Amino acid sequence: MRIINYNKLMNFVSSNPLYEVRETTDTVELLFHAPSEEEAAGTEVVSDETRPVIRVVFTKRGDELVPREAWIERGSARQRMGVDELDTWLEFVDIYS
């Protein structure tokens, strides 16, 4: 499980409208509103299908965020993800922010 610096993550997501952040004193919840398949493919077809949301909950420890739980939501369906599945993405954020 990879830990990420709070400021690095906030800098990475702050300029991207696909991300939403919700914070409490000891928790950061990050929502990524994934583009539809059509948007990702660059096609003009409009779909009524619900776009997936990837939700990640971090525990704040000083200036660090520790992934606690993650899942993918599509409509009312929810599929749990292992927090270790986030390591590659968190490494990318760490390098490029």
Protein backbone atom coordinates (compact mmCIF):
# COMPACT_ATOMS: atom_id res chain seq x y z
CA MET A 1 0.00 0.00 0.00
CA ARG A 2 1.42 3.34 -1.11
CA ILE A 3 1.09 6.52 0.98
CA ILE A 4 0.79 9.91 -0.76
CA ASN A 5 1.59 13.44 0.39
CA TYR A 6 -1.60 15.48 0.97
CA ASN A 7 -0.39 18.55 -0.97
CA LYS A 8 0.76 16.48 -3.95
CA LEU A 9 -2.62 14.81 -4.26
CA MET A 10 -4.52 18.09 -3.87
CA ASN A 11 -2.32 19.79 -6.50
CA PHE A 12 -2.92 16.90 -8.88
CA VAL A 13 -6.72 16.84 -8.57
CA SER A 14 -7.47 20.55 -8.03
CA SER A 15 -7.32 21.54 -11.70
CA ASN A 16 -9.22 18.51 -13.00
CA PRO A 17 -13.04 18.79 -13.02
CA LEU A 18 -13.40 14.98 -13.05
CA TYR A 19 -12.22 14.87 -9.42
CA GLU A 20 -14.21 15.84 -6.34
CA VAL A 21 -12.75 16.04 -2.83
CA ARG A 22 -14.62 15.83 0.48
CA GLU A 23 -12.67 16.36 3.69
CA THR A 24 -13.17 15.96 7.40
CA THR A 25 -10.64 16.39 10.17
CA ASP A 26 -9.08 12.95 9.72
CA THR A 27 -10.40 11.72 6.36
CA VAL A 28 -10.14 12.69 2.70
CA GLU A 29 -12.66 11.18 0.29
CA LEU A 30 -11.71 11.42 -3.38
CA LEU A 31 -14.25 10.81 -6.12
CA PHE A 32 -13.19 10.37 -9.73
CA HIS A 33 -16.09 10.77 -12.15
CA ALA A 34 -14.85 8.59 -14.98
CA PRO A 35 -15.67 9.65 -18.52
CA SER A 36 -18.18 7.58 -20.42
CA GLU A 37 -16.79 5.07 -22.89
CA GLU A 38 -17.86 7.38 -25.72
CA GLU A 39 -16.08 10.39 -24.18
CA ALA A 40 -12.94 8.35 -23.58
CA ALA A 41 -13.00 7.06 -27.16
CA GLY A 42 -13.65 10.53 -28.57
CA THR A 43 -16.85 9.52 -30.37
CA GLU A 44 -19.95 11.68 -30.63
CA VAL A 45 -22.43 9.02 -29.50
CA VAL A 46 -24.35 10.08 -26.39
CA SER A 47 -25.28 7.33 -23.96
CA ASP A 48 -27.80 7.32 -21.12
CA GLU A 49 -25.63 4.80 -19.25
CA THR A 50 -24.59 5.87 -15.76
CA ARG A 51 -20.95 6.94 -15.61
CA PRO A 52 -18.80 5.09 -13.11
CA VAL A 53 -17.39 6.84 -10.06
CA ILE A 54 -14.24 5.63 -8.37
CA ARG A 55 -14.36 6.51 -4.67
CA VAL A 56 -11.24 6.37 -2.50
CA VAL A 57 -11.19 7.11 1.22
CA PHE A 58 -7.86 8.13 2.77
CA THR A 59 -6.93 8.50 6.44
CA LYS A 60 -4.96 11.69 7.17
CA ARG A 61 -1.77 11.24 9.15
CA GLY A 62 -0.13 14.65 9.36
CA ASP A 63 0.81 15.58 5.77
CA GLU A 64 0.30 12.03 4.49
CA LEU A 65 -2.74 10.22 3.19
CA VAL A 66 -3.08 6.48 3.71
CA PRO A 67 -5.60 4.69 1.45
CA ARG A 68 -8.22 3.02 3.65
CA GLU A 69 -10.86 1.75 1.23
CA ALA A 70 -11.87 2.08 -2.41
CA TRP A 71 -14.68 1.02 -4.67
CA ILE A 72 -16.26 1.60 -8.07
CA GLU A 73 -19.87 2.75 -8.20
CA ARG A 74 -22.13 2.63 -11.23
CA GLY A 75 -25.67 3.65 -10.40
CA SER A 76 -26.67 1.63 -7.35
CA ALA A 77 -24.07 -1.09 -7.99
CA ARG A 78 -20.89 -0.99 -5.94
CA GLN A 79 -17.75 -3.08 -6.42
CA ARG A 80 -15.00 -3.02 -3.80
CA MET A 81 -11.40 -2.48 -4.88
CA GLY A 82 -8.30 -3.44 -2.95
CA VAL A 83 -6.30 -0.37 -1.91
CA ASP A 84 -3.18 -2.01 -3.34
CA GLU A 85 -4.77 -1.55 -6.78
CA LEU A 86 -4.20 2.20 -6.33
CA ASP A 87 -0.40 1.94 -5.99
CA THR A 88 0.42 2.56 -9.65
CA TRP A 89 -1.91 5.57 -9.85
CA LEU A 90 -0.53 7.00 -6.57
CA GLU A 91 3.01 6.57 -7.87
CA PHE A 92 2.01 8.49 -11.02
CA VAL A 93 0.52 11.30 -8.87
CA ASP A 94 3.67 11.39 -6.75
CA ILE A 95 5.94 11.73 -9.78
CA TYR A 96 3.89 14.21 -11.81
CA SER A 97 2.63 16.63 -9.19
